[in-house]
PDB file of N, CA and C in Angstrom:
ATOM      1  N   MET A   1     -88.565 143.908  56.388  1.00  0.00           N
ATOM      2  CA  MET A   1     -88.959 143.105  55.239  1.00  0.00           C
ATOM      3  C   MET A   1     -87.691 142.625  54.536  1.00  0.00           C
ATOM      4  N   SER A   2     -87.648 141.339  54.187  1.00  0.00           N
ATOM      5  CA  SER A   2     -86.480 140.785  53.502  1.00  0.00           C
ATOM      6  C   SER A   2     -86.396 141.329  52.072  1.00  0.00           C
ATOM      7  N   ASP A   3     -85.211 141.224  51.478  1.00  0.00           N
ATOM      8  CA  ASP A   3     -85.029 141.693  50.099  1.00  0.00           C
ATOM      9  C   ASP A   3     -85.971 140.969  49.140  1.00  0.00           C
ATOM     10  N   GLU A   4     -86.139 139.658  49.333  1.00  0.00           N
ATOM     11  CA  GLU A   4     -87.015 138.890  48.454  1.00  0.00           C
ATOM     12  C   GLU A   4     -88.477 139.303  48.626  1.00  0.00           C
ATOM     13  N   ALA A   5     -88.895 139.537  49.860  1.00  0.00           N
ATOM     14  CA  ALA A   5     -90.265 139.992  50.113  1.00  0.00           C
ATOM     15  C   ALA A   5     -90.476 141.388  49.533  1.00  0.00           C
ATOM     16  N   GLU A   6     -89.460 142.241  49.671  1.00  0.00           N
ATOM     17  CA  GLU A   6     -89.544 143.583  49.091  1.00  0.00           C
ATOM     18  C   GLU A   6     -89.652 143.512  47.571  1.00  0.00           C
ATOM     19  N   ALA A   7     -88.865 142.625  46.959  1.00  0.00           N
ATOM     20  CA  ALA A   7     -88.912 142.458  45.506  1.00  0.00           C
ATOM     21  C   ALA A   7     -90.278 141.933  45.069  1.00  0.00           C
ATOM     22  N   GLN A   8     -90.850 140.993  45.827  1.00  0.00           N
ATOM     23  CA  GLN A   8     -92.173 140.463  45.483  1.00  0.00           C
ATOM     24  C   GLN A   8     -93.228 141.553  45.577  1.00  0.00           C
ATOM     25  N   ALA A   9     -93.151 142.372  46.617  1.00  0.00           N
ATOM     26  CA  ALA A   9     -94.108 143.475  46.773  1.00  0.00           C
ATOM     27  C   ALA A   9     -93.963 144.470  45.620  1.00  0.00           C
ATOM     28  N   ARG A  10     -92.735 144.758  45.238  1.00  0.00           N
ATOM     29  CA  ARG A  10     -92.486 145.684  44.128  1.00  0.00           C
ATOM     30  C   ARG A  10     -93.014 145.079  42.816  1.00  0.00           C
ATOM     31  N   PHE A  11     -92.804 143.775  42.610  1.00  0.00           N
ATOM     32  CA  PHE A  11     -93.304 143.115  41.399  1.00  0.00           C
ATOM     33  C   PHE A  11     -94.826 143.117  41.389  1.00  0.00           C
ATOM     34  N   ASP A  12     -95.443 142.881  42.537  1.00  0.00           N
ATOM     35  CA  ASP A  12     -96.909 142.919  42.627  1.00  0.00           C
ATOM     36  C   ASP A  12     -97.444 144.299  42.237  1.00  0.00           C
ATOM     37  N   ARG A  13     -96.755 145.359  42.662  1.00  0.00           N
ATOM     38  CA  ARG A  13     -97.161 146.716  42.273  1.00  0.00           C
ATOM     39  C   ARG A  13     -96.974 146.922  40.772  1.00  0.00           C
ATOM     40  N   LEU A  14     -95.907 146.383  40.227  1.00  0.00           N
ATOM     41  CA  LEU A  14     -95.657 146.477  38.785  1.00  0.00           C
ATOM     42  C   LEU A  14     -96.765 145.768  38.011  1.00  0.00           C
ATOM     43  N   VAL A  15     -97.134 144.586  38.453  1.00  0.00           N
ATOM     44  CA  VAL A  15     -98.217 143.827  37.812  1.00  0.00           C
ATOM     45  C   VAL A  15     -99.511 144.626  37.856  1.00  0.00           C
ATOM     46  N   ALA A  16     -99.837 145.195  39.011  1.00  0.00           N
ATOM     47  CA  ALA A  16    -101.068 145.977  39.154  1.00  0.00           C
ATOM     48  C   ALA A  16    -101.065 147.176  38.212  1.00  0.00           C
ATOM     49  N   THR A  17     -99.928 147.804  38.047  1.00  0.00           N
ATOM     50  CA  THR A  17     -99.812 148.969  37.166  1.00  0.00           C
ATOM     51  C   THR A  17     -99.964 148.584  35.701  1.00  0.00           C
ATOM     52  N   MET A  18     -99.399 147.446  35.315  1.00  0.00           N
ATOM     53  CA  MET A  18     -99.390 147.060  33.900  1.00  0.00           C
ATOM     54  C   MET A  18    -100.595 146.218  33.485  1.00  0.00           C
ATOM     55  N   ALA A  19    -101.383 145.761  34.447  1.00  0.00           N
ATOM     56  CA  ALA A  19    -102.479 144.833  34.170  1.00  0.00           C
ATOM     57  C   ALA A  19    -103.528 145.378  33.213  1.00  0.00           C
ATOM     58  N   ASP A  20    -103.694 146.695  33.160  1.00  0.00           N
ATOM     59  CA  ASP A  20    -104.735 147.254  32.290  1.00  0.00           C
ATOM     60  C   ASP A  20    -104.222 147.620  30.896  1.00  0.00           C
ATOM     61  N   ARG A  21    -102.979 147.285  30.592  1.00  0.00           N
ATOM     62  CA  ARG A  21    -102.412 147.586  29.273  1.00  0.00           C
ATOM     63  C   ARG A  21    -102.879 146.546  28.257  1.00  0.00           C
ATOM     64  N   ASP A  22    -103.093 146.979  27.022  1.00  0.00           N
ATOM     65  CA  ASP A  22    -103.540 146.071  25.959  1.00  0.00           C
ATOM     66  C   ASP A  22    -102.614 144.878  25.804  1.00  0.00           C
ATOM     67  N   GLY A  23    -103.181 143.688  25.835  1.00  0.00           N
ATOM     68  CA  GLY A  23    -102.441 142.456  25.592  1.00  0.00           C
ATOM     69  C   GLY A  23    -101.615 141.957  26.752  1.00  0.00           C
ATOM     70  N   VAL A  24    -101.547 142.699  27.866  1.00  0.00           N
ATOM     71  CA  VAL A  24    -100.709 142.303  29.001  1.00  0.00           C
ATOM     72  C   VAL A  24    -101.500 141.399  29.943  1.00  0.00           C
ATOM     73  N   THR A  25    -100.886 140.275  30.287  1.00  0.00           N
ATOM     74  CA  THR A  25    -101.477 139.317  31.226  1.00  0.00           C
ATOM     75  C   THR A  25    -100.397 138.851  32.188  1.00  0.00           C
ATOM     76  N   LEU A  26    -100.832 138.246  33.281  1.00  0.00           N
ATOM     77  CA  LEU A  26     -99.906 137.650  34.239  1.00  0.00           C
ATOM     78  C   LEU A  26    -100.034 136.149  34.137  1.00  0.00           C
ATOM     79  N   GLY A  27     -98.926 135.506  33.858  1.00  0.00           N
ATOM     80  CA  GLY A  27     -98.874 134.051  33.856  1.00  0.00           C
ATOM     81  C   GLY A  27     -99.310 133.412  32.563  1.00  0.00           C
ATOM     82  N   SER A  28     -98.872 132.173  32.445  1.00  0.00           N
ATOM     83  CA  SER A  28     -99.150 131.398  31.242  1.00  0.00           C
ATOM     84  C   SER A  28    -100.372 130.512  31.404  1.00  0.00           C
ATOM     85  N   GLY A  29    -100.868 130.413  32.644  1.00  0.00           N
ATOM     86  CA  GLY A  29    -101.970 129.491  32.893  1.00  0.00           C
ATOM     87  C   GLY A  29    -101.484 128.064  33.091  1.00  0.00           C
ATOM     88  N   ARG A  30    -100.170 127.875  32.994  1.00  0.00           N
ATOM     89  CA  ARG A  30     -99.555 126.560  33.209  1.00  0.00           C
ATOM     90  C   ARG A  30     -98.557 126.684  34.343  1.00  0.00           C
ATOM     91  N   ARG A  31     -98.114 125.552  34.839  1.00  0.00           N
ATOM     92  CA  ARG A  31     -97.084 125.530  35.865  1.00  0.00           C
ATOM     93  C   ARG A  31     -95.716 125.621  35.190  1.00  0.00           C
ATOM     94  N   GLY A  32     -94.718 126.049  35.959  1.00  0.00           N
ATOM     95  CA  GLY A  32     -93.349 126.087  35.449  1.00  0.00           C
ATOM     96  C   GLY A  32     -92.978 127.444  34.896  1.00  0.00           C
ATOM     97  N   PHE A  33     -92.035 127.454  33.965  1.00  0.00           N
ATOM     98  CA  PHE A  33     -91.476 128.696  33.431  1.00  0.00           C
ATOM     99  C   PHE A  33     -92.583 129.589  32.879  1.00  0.00           C
ATOM    100  N   GLY A  34     -92.593 130.821  33.321  1.00  0.00           N
ATOM    101  CA  GLY A  34     -93.562 131.794  32.838  1.00  0.00           C
ATOM    102  C   GLY A  34     -94.879 131.795  33.578  1.00  0.00           C
ATOM    103  N   SER A  35     -95.027 130.913  34.555  1.00  0.00           N
ATOM    104  CA  SER A  35     -96.322 130.821  35.242  1.00  0.00           C
ATOM    105  C   SER A  35     -96.670 132.096  36.003  1.00  0.00           C
ATOM    106  N   GLY A  36     -95.667 132.845  36.461  1.00  0.00           N
ATOM    107  CA  GLY A  36     -95.930 134.084  37.182  1.00  0.00           C
ATOM    108  C   GLY A  36     -95.343 135.296  36.489  1.00  0.00           C
ATOM    109  N   ALA A  37     -95.105 135.185  35.184  1.00  0.00           N
ATOM    110  CA  ALA A  37     -94.447 136.252  34.429  1.00  0.00           C
ATOM    111  C   ALA A  37     -95.458 137.193  33.781  1.00  0.00           C
ATOM    112  N   LEU A  38     -95.022 138.425  33.568  1.00  0.00           N
ATOM    113  CA  LEU A  38     -95.821 139.358  32.772  1.00  0.00           C
ATOM    114  C   LEU A  38     -95.612 139.020  31.303  1.00  0.00           C
ATOM    115  N   GLN A  39     -96.722 138.958  30.582  1.00  0.00           N
ATOM    116  CA  GLN A  39     -96.675 138.625  29.164  1.00  0.00           C
ATOM    117  C   GLN A  39     -97.441 139.659  28.369  1.00  0.00           C
ATOM    118  N   VAL A  40     -97.027 139.827  27.133  1.00  0.00           N
ATOM    119  CA  VAL A  40     -97.779 140.652  26.199  1.00  0.00           C
ATOM    120  C   VAL A  40     -98.055 139.777  24.985  1.00  0.00           C
ATOM    121  N   ASN A  41     -99.335 139.661  24.647  1.00  0.00           N
ATOM    122  CA  ASN A  41     -99.765 138.804  23.548  1.00  0.00           C
ATOM    123  C   ASN A  41     -99.188 137.396  23.675  1.00  0.00           C
ATOM    124  N   GLY A  42     -99.133 136.898  24.921  1.00  0.00           N
ATOM    125  CA  GLY A  42     -98.692 135.527  25.173  1.00  0.00           C
ATOM    126  C   GLY A  42     -97.194 135.321  25.234  1.00  0.00           C
ATOM    127  N   ARG A  43     -96.403 136.390  25.139  1.00  0.00           N
ATOM    128  CA  ARG A  43     -94.938 136.268  25.176  1.00  0.00           C
ATOM    129  C   ARG A  43     -94.388 136.984  26.407  1.00  0.00           C
ATOM    130  N   ILE A  44     -93.517 136.312  27.134  1.00  0.00           N
ATOM    131  CA  ILE A  44     -92.958 136.847  28.373  1.00  0.00           C
ATOM    132  C   ILE A  44     -92.076 138.057  28.087  1.00  0.00           C
ATOM    133  N   PHE A  45     -92.270 139.118  28.896  1.00  0.00           N
ATOM    134  CA  PHE A  45     -91.382 140.273  28.798  1.00  0.00           C
ATOM    135  C   PHE A  45     -90.761 140.655  30.138  1.00  0.00           C
ATOM    136  N   ALA A  46     -91.354 140.221  31.246  1.00  0.00           N
ATOM    137  CA  ALA A  46     -90.796 140.513  32.570  1.00  0.00           C
ATOM    138  C   ALA A  46     -91.223 139.440  33.551  1.00  0.00           C
ATOM    139  N   MET A  47     -90.313 139.113  34.473  1.00  0.00           N
ATOM    140  CA  MET A  47     -90.628 138.106  35.489  1.00  0.00           C
ATOM    141  C   MET A  47     -89.787 138.352  36.719  1.00  0.00           C
ATOM    142  N   LEU A  48     -90.228 137.798  37.802  1.00  0.00           N
ATOM    143  CA  LEU A  48     -89.473 137.832  39.047  1.00  0.00           C
ATOM    144  C   LEU A  48     -88.792 136.482  39.170  1.00  0.00           C
ATOM    145  N   SER A  49     -87.478 136.496  39.323  1.00  0.00           N
ATOM    146  CA  SER A  49     -86.709 135.260  39.453  1.00  0.00           C
ATOM    147  C   SER A  49     -85.754 135.419  40.625  1.00  0.00           C
ATOM    148  N   ALA A  50     -85.926 134.589  41.626  1.00  0.00           N
ATOM    149  CA  ALA A  50     -85.080 134.635  42.830  1.00  0.00           C
ATOM    150  C   ALA A  50     -85.039 136.042  43.434  1.00  0.00           C
ATOM    151  N   GLY A  51     -86.194 136.692  43.452  1.00  0.00           N
ATOM    152  CA  GLY A  51     -86.285 138.012  44.044  1.00  0.00           C
ATOM    153  C   GLY A  51     -85.688 139.130  43.199  1.00  0.00           C
ATOM    154  N   ARG A  52     -85.532 138.870  41.894  1.00  0.00           N
ATOM    155  CA  ARG A  52     -84.950 139.865  40.995  1.00  0.00           C
ATOM    156  C   ARG A  52     -85.857 140.053  39.782  1.00  0.00           C
ATOM    157  N   LEU A  53     -85.977 141.307  39.309  1.00  0.00           N
ATOM    158  CA  LEU A  53     -86.740 141.581  38.106  1.00  0.00           C
ATOM    159  C   LEU A  53     -85.876 141.243  36.896  1.00  0.00           C
ATOM    160  N   VAL A  54     -86.428 140.417  36.016  1.00  0.00           N
ATOM    161  CA  VAL A  54     -85.734 140.020  34.784  1.00  0.00           C
ATOM    162  C   VAL A  54     -86.592 140.482  33.613  1.00  0.00           C
ATOM    163  N   VAL A  55     -85.976 141.185  32.660  1.00  0.00           N
ATOM    164  CA  VAL A  55     -86.710 141.710  31.511  1.00  0.00           C
ATOM    165  C   VAL A  55     -86.036 141.304  30.203  1.00  0.00           C
ATOM    166  N   LYS A  56     -86.859 141.240  29.154  1.00  0.00           N
ATOM    167  CA  LYS A  56     -86.362 140.900  27.819  1.00  0.00           C
ATOM    168  C   LYS A  56     -86.226 142.184  27.002  1.00  0.00           C
ATOM    169  N   LEU A  57     -84.997 142.442  26.534  1.00  0.00           N
ATOM    170  CA  LEU A  57     -84.677 143.649  25.781  1.00  0.00           C
ATOM    171  C   LEU A  57     -83.727 143.298  24.640  1.00  0.00           C
ATOM    172  N   PRO A  58     -83.538 144.209  23.689  1.00  0.00           N
ATOM    173  CA  PRO A  58     -82.571 143.942  22.612  1.00  0.00           C
ATOM    174  C   PRO A  58     -81.171 143.701  23.199  1.00  0.00           C
ATOM    175  N   PRO A  59     -80.383 142.826  22.595  1.00  0.00           N
ATOM    176  CA  PRO A  59     -79.049 142.519  23.127  1.00  0.00           C
ATOM    177  C   PRO A  59     -78.171 143.757  23.356  1.00  0.00           C
ATOM    178  N   ASP A  60     -78.232 144.742  22.461  1.00  0.00           N
ATOM    179  CA  ASP A  60     -77.402 145.938  22.653  1.00  0.00           C
ATOM    180  C   ASP A  60     -77.878 146.756  23.858  1.00  0.00           C
ATOM    181  N   ARG A  61     -79.169 146.765  24.110  1.00  0.00           N
ATOM    182  CA  ARG A  61     -79.710 147.470  25.272  1.00  0.00           C
ATOM    183  C   ARG A  61     -79.311 146.754  26.556  1.00  0.00           C
ATOM    184  N   VAL A  62     -79.369 145.417  26.547  1.00  0.00           N
ATOM    185  CA  VAL A  62     -78.938 144.630  27.704  1.00  0.00           C
ATOM    186  C   VAL A  62     -77.472 144.952  28.004  1.00  0.00           C
ATOM    187  N   ALA A  63     -76.646 144.942  26.974  1.00  0.00           N
ATOM    188  CA  ALA A  63     -75.216 145.228  27.153  1.00  0.00           C
ATOM    189  C   ALA A  63     -74.993 146.626  27.718  1.00  0.00           C
ATOM    190  N   SER A  64     -75.766 147.615  27.252  1.00  0.00           N
ATOM    191  CA  SER A  64     -75.577 148.978  27.755  1.00  0.00           C
ATOM    192  C   SER A  64     -76.021 149.102  29.212  1.00  0.00           C
ATOM    193  N   LEU A  65     -77.079 148.427  29.595  1.00  0.00           N
ATOM    194  CA  LEU A  65     -77.520 148.448  30.994  1.00  0.00           C
ATOM    195  C   LEU A  65     -76.489 147.781  31.901  1.00  0.00           C
ATOM    196  N   ILE A  66     -75.902 146.692  31.421  1.00  0.00           N
ATOM    197  CA  ILE A  66     -74.864 146.004  32.196  1.00  0.00           C
ATOM    198  C   ILE A  66     -73.635 146.903  32.319  1.00  0.00           C
ATOM    199  N   ALA A  67     -73.234 147.535  31.222  1.00  0.00           N
ATOM    200  CA  ALA A  67     -72.065 148.428  31.235  1.00  0.00           C
ATOM    201  C   ALA A  67     -72.271 149.607  32.185  1.00  0.00           C
ATOM    202  N   ALA A  68     -73.512 150.081  32.289  1.00  0.00           N
ATOM    203  CA  ALA A  68     -73.831 151.208  33.173  1.00  0.00           C
ATOM    204  C   ALA A  68     -74.088 150.756  34.610  1.00  0.00           C
ATOM    205  N   ASP A  69     -73.932 149.470  34.871  1.00  0.00           N
ATOM    206  CA  ASP A  69     -74.161 148.868  36.187  1.00  0.00           C
ATOM    207  C   ASP A  69     -75.598 149.046  36.666  1.00  0.00           C
ATOM    208  N   GLU A  70     -76.529 149.125  35.713  1.00  0.00           N
ATOM    209  CA  GLU A  70     -77.954 149.192  36.041  1.00  0.00           C
ATOM    210  C   GLU A  70     -78.598 147.817  36.001  1.00  0.00           C
ATOM    211  N   ALA A  71     -77.851 146.842  35.470  1.00  0.00           N
ATOM    212  CA  ALA A  71     -78.377 145.484  35.326  1.00  0.00           C
ATOM    213  C   ALA A  71     -77.218 144.498  35.381  1.00  0.00           C
ATOM    214  N   ALA A  72     -77.586 143.240  35.487  1.00  0.00           N
ATOM    215  CA  ALA A  72     -76.614 142.147  35.456  1.00  0.00           C
ATOM    216  C   ALA A  72     -77.086 141.142  34.414  1.00  0.00           C
ATOM    217  N   PRO A  73     -76.175 140.320  33.899  1.00  0.00           N
ATOM    218  CA  PRO A  73     -76.588 139.288  32.942  1.00  0.00           C
ATOM    219  C   PRO A  73     -77.534 138.295  33.613  1.00  0.00           C
ATOM    220  N   PHE A  74     -78.449 137.724  32.834  1.00  0.00           N
ATOM    221  CA  PHE A  74     -79.365 136.706  33.350  1.00  0.00           C
ATOM    222  C   PHE A  74     -78.963 135.356  32.805  1.00  0.00           C
ATOM    223  N   ASP A  75     -78.782 134.411  33.701  1.00  0.00           N
ATOM    224  CA  ASP A  75     -78.461 133.032  33.357  1.00  0.00           C
ATOM    225  C   ASP A  75     -79.607 132.175  33.870  1.00  0.00           C
ATOM    226  N   ALA A  76     -80.284 131.500  32.986  1.00  0.00           N
ATOM    227  CA  ALA A  76     -81.439 130.681  33.374  1.00  0.00           C
ATOM    228  C   ALA A  76     -81.018 129.308  33.890  1.00  0.00           C
ATOM    229  N   GLY A  77     -79.788 129.208  34.398  1.00  0.00           N
ATOM    230  CA  GLY A  77     -79.312 127.948  34.948  1.00  0.00           C
ATOM    231  C   GLY A  77     -78.635 127.057  33.931  1.00  0.00           C
ATOM    232  N   LYS A  78     -78.328 127.608  32.778  1.00  0.00           N
ATOM    233  CA  LYS A  78     -77.695 126.814  31.721  1.00  0.00           C
ATOM    234  C   LYS A  78     -76.196 127.079  31.618  1.00  0.00           C
ATOM    235  N   GLY A  79     -75.671 127.930  32.518  1.00  0.00           N
ATOM    236  CA  GLY A  79     -74.247 128.174  32.540  1.00  0.00           C
ATOM    237  C   GLY A  79     -73.751 129.292  31.635  1.00  0.00           C
ATOM    238  N   ARG A  80     -74.658 129.968  30.960  1.00  0.00           N
ATOM    239  CA  ARG A  80     -74.246 131.099  30.130  1.00  0.00           C
ATOM    240  C   ARG A  80     -75.349 132.144  30.122  1.00  0.00           C
ATOM    241  N   PRO A  81     -74.957 133.423  30.060  1.00  0.00           N
ATOM    242  CA  PRO A  81     -75.964 134.487  30.073  1.00  0.00           C
ATOM    243  C   PRO A  81     -76.802 134.476  28.798  1.00  0.00           C
ATOM    244  N   MET A  82     -78.047 134.868  28.944  1.00  0.00           N
ATOM    245  CA  MET A  82     -78.950 134.969  27.794  1.00  0.00           C
ATOM    246  C   MET A  82     -78.854 136.397  27.260  1.00  0.00           C
ATOM    247  N   LYS A  83     -78.582 136.546  25.975  1.00  0.00           N
ATOM    248  CA  LYS A  83     -78.296 137.854  25.367  1.00  0.00           C
ATOM    249  C   LYS A  83     -79.445 138.844  25.452  1.00  0.00           C
ATOM    250  N   GLU A  84     -80.675 138.371  25.420  1.00  0.00           N
ATOM    251  CA  GLU A  84     -81.829 139.275  25.410  1.00  0.00           C
ATOM    252  C   GLU A  84     -82.490 139.437  26.775  1.00  0.00           C
ATOM    253  N   TRP A  85     -81.849 138.985  27.821  1.00  0.00           N
ATOM    254  CA  TRP A  85     -82.445 139.068  29.154  1.00  0.00           C
ATOM    255  C   TRP A  85     -81.493 139.738  30.124  1.00  0.00           C
ATOM    256  N   ALA A  86     -82.031 140.626  30.965  1.00  0.00           N
ATOM    257  CA  ALA A  86     -81.233 141.343  31.946  1.00  0.00           C
ATOM    258  C   ALA A  86     -81.906 141.314  33.310  1.00  0.00           C
ATOM    259  N   VAL A  87     -81.098 141.230  34.345  1.00  0.00           N
ATOM    260  CA  VAL A  87     -81.564 141.321  35.719  1.00  0.00           C
ATOM    261  C   VAL A  87     -81.408 142.779  36.141  1.00  0.00           C
ATOM    262  N   ILE A  88     -82.517 143.431  36.428  1.00  0.00           N
ATOM    263  CA  ILE A  88     -82.505 144.844  36.809  1.00  0.00           C
ATOM    264  C   ILE A  88     -82.187 144.953  38.300  1.00  0.00           C
ATOM    265  N   ARG A  89     -81.271 145.816  38.617  1.00  0.00           N
ATOM    266  CA  ARG A  89     -80.896 146.021  40.020  1.00  0.00           C
ATOM    267  C   ARG A  89     -82.116 146.513  40.806  1.00  0.00           C
ATOM    268  N   LEU A  90     -82.170 146.121  42.061  1.00  0.00           N
ATOM    269  CA  LEU A  90     -83.262 146.565  42.921  1.00  0.00           C
ATOM    270  C   LEU A  90     -83.198 148.076  43.028  1.00  0.00           C
ATOM    271  N   GLY A  91     -84.244 148.727  42.610  1.00  0.00           N
ATOM    272  CA  GLY A  91     -84.281 150.184  42.635  1.00  0.00           C
ATOM    273  C   GLY A  91     -85.702 150.640  42.904  1.00  0.00           C
ATOM    274  N   ALA A  92     -85.964 151.867  42.601  1.00  0.00           N
ATOM    275  CA  ALA A  92     -87.288 152.440  42.819  1.00  0.00           C
ATOM    276  C   ALA A  92     -88.312 151.814  41.875  1.00  0.00           C
ATOM    277  N   ASP A  93     -89.578 151.878  42.293  1.00  0.00           N
ATOM    278  CA  ASP A  93     -90.657 151.338  41.471  1.00  0.00           C
ATOM    279  C   ASP A  93     -90.643 151.918  40.056  1.00  0.00           C
ATOM    280  N   ASP A  94     -90.340 153.213  39.930  1.00  0.00           N
ATOM    281  CA  ASP A  94     -90.369 153.835  38.605  1.00  0.00           C
ATOM    282  C   ASP A  94     -89.296 153.268  37.682  1.00  0.00           C
ATOM    283  N   VAL A  95     -88.178 152.819  38.236  1.00  0.00           N
ATOM    284  CA  VAL A  95     -87.128 152.186  37.420  1.00  0.00           C
ATOM    285  C   VAL A  95     -87.630 150.845  36.901  1.00  0.00           C
ATOM    286  N   TRP A  96     -88.227 150.060  37.780  1.00  0.00           N
ATOM    287  CA  TRP A  96     -88.760 148.771  37.353  1.00  0.00           C
ATOM    288  C   TRP A  96     -89.859 148.965  36.306  1.00  0.00           C
ATOM    289  N   LEU A  97     -90.724 149.945  36.511  1.00  0.00           N
ATOM    290  CA  LEU A  97     -91.798 150.214  35.560  1.00  0.00           C
ATOM    291  C   LEU A  97     -91.225 150.635  34.205  1.00  0.00           C
ATOM    292  N   ALA A  98     -90.238 151.497  34.208  1.00  0.00           N
ATOM    293  CA  ALA A  98     -89.631 151.951  32.951  1.00  0.00           C
ATOM    294  C   ALA A  98     -89.014 150.784  32.180  1.00  0.00           C
ATOM    295  N   ARG A  99     -88.310 149.912  32.875  1.00  0.00           N
ATOM    296  CA  ARG A  99     -87.695 148.756  32.195  1.00  0.00           C
ATOM    297  C   ARG A  99     -88.763 147.766  31.724  1.00  0.00           C
ATOM    298  N   ALA A 100     -89.807 147.570  32.496  1.00  0.00           N
ATOM    299  CA  ALA A 100     -90.885 146.660  32.084  1.00  0.00           C
ATOM    300  C   ALA A 100     -91.617 147.219  30.860  1.00  0.00           C
ATOM    301  N   GLU A 101     -91.858 148.527  30.842  1.00  0.00           N
ATOM    302  CA  GLU A 101     -92.506 149.137  29.677  1.00  0.00           C
ATOM    303  C   GLU A 101     -91.629 149.002  28.436  1.00  0.00           C
ATOM    304  N   GLU A 102     -90.335 149.202  28.614  1.00  0.00           N
ATOM    305  CA  GLU A 102     -89.375 149.049  27.516  1.00  0.00           C
ATOM    306  C   GLU A 102     -89.394 147.606  27.001  1.00  0.00           C
ATOM    307  N   ALA A 103     -89.411 146.647  27.924  1.00  0.00           N
ATOM    308  CA  ALA A 103     -89.430 145.233  27.553  1.00  0.00           C
ATOM    309  C   ALA A 103     -90.736 144.864  26.854  1.00  0.00           C
ATOM    310  N   SER A 104     -91.847 145.379  27.357  1.00  0.00           N
ATOM    311  CA  SER A 104     -93.138 145.105  26.729  1.00  0.00           C
ATOM    312  C   SER A 104     -93.174 145.615  25.297  1.00  0.00           C
ATOM    313  N   ALA A 105     -92.672 146.821  25.083  1.00  0.00           N
ATOM    314  CA  ALA A 105     -92.633 147.395  23.736  1.00  0.00           C
ATOM    315  C   ALA A 105     -91.749 146.561  22.813  1.00  0.00           C
ATOM    316  N   PHE A 106     -90.601 146.119  23.332  1.00  0.00           N
ATOM    317  CA  PHE A 106     -89.685 145.296  22.536  1.00  0.00           C
ATOM    318  C   PHE A 106     -90.326 143.973  22.136  1.00  0.00           C
ATOM    319  N   VAL A 107     -90.909 143.294  23.099  1.00  0.00           N
ATOM    320  CA  VAL A 107     -91.513 141.984  22.820  1.00  0.00           C
ATOM    321  C   VAL A 107     -92.734 142.125  21.906  1.00  0.00           C
ATOM    322  N   SER A 108     -93.558 143.127  22.144  1.00  0.00           N
ATOM    323  CA  SER A 108     -94.765 143.285  21.320  1.00  0.00           C
ATOM    324  C   SER A 108     -94.432 143.744  19.902  1.00  0.00           C
ATOM    325  N   SER A 109     -93.235 144.309  19.705  1.00  0.00           N
ATOM    326  CA  SER A 109     -92.845 144.756  18.351  1.00  0.00           C
ATOM    327  C   SER A 109     -92.519 143.590  17.432  1.00  0.00           C
ATOM    328  N   GLY A 110     -92.289 142.419  18.036  1.00  0.00           N
ATOM    329  CA  GLY A 110     -91.942 141.247  17.235  1.00  0.00           C
ATOM    330  C   GLY A 110     -90.459 141.179  16.906  1.00  0.00           C
ATOM    331  N   ALA A 111     -89.672 142.118  17.410  1.00  0.00           N
ATOM    332  CA  ALA A 111     -88.237 142.153  17.104  1.00  0.00           C
ATOM    333  C   ALA A 111     -87.445 141.120  17.895  1.00  0.00           C
ATOM    334  N   SER A 112     -88.018 140.622  18.995  1.00  0.00           N
ATOM    335  CA  SER A 112     -87.277 139.662  19.829  1.00  0.00           C
ATOM    336  C   SER A 112     -87.330 138.270  19.228  1.00  0.00           C
ATOM    337  N   ARG A 113     -86.285 137.520  19.551  1.00  0.00           N
ATOM    338  CA  ARG A 113     -86.257 136.111  19.129  1.00  0.00           C
ATOM    339  C   ARG A 113     -87.235 135.326  19.978  1.00  0.00           C
ATOM    340  N   ARG A 114     -87.663 134.223  19.504  1.00  0.00           N
ATOM    341  CA  ARG A 114     -88.552 133.353  20.284  1.00  0.00           C
ATOM    342  C   ARG A 114     -87.788 132.572  21.271  1.00  0.00           C
TER     343      ARG A 114
END
């Protein structure tokens, strides 16, 4: 199985696990950005991008994950990293689930920027 196929399978398992959580949905119902992303109360908190899990977390948490080599900066193609988004290294399902749960809590708290 290719890395991208493995990442898609892992994301599908993550979606199945989180689908029964309050306010969590998959996709925006529209095409384009966020169409296949996990959302809580209509706001994206995790998505698969180019075979990588991307999550929205507080900027200091993103920086600490990058410093610990558990994540990489996320650039949405604009030439600069986004402070509240991190690319989680391919790891075990429980790592992806833990980061997605952390991101969901952050986004649902209202502390994240729009």
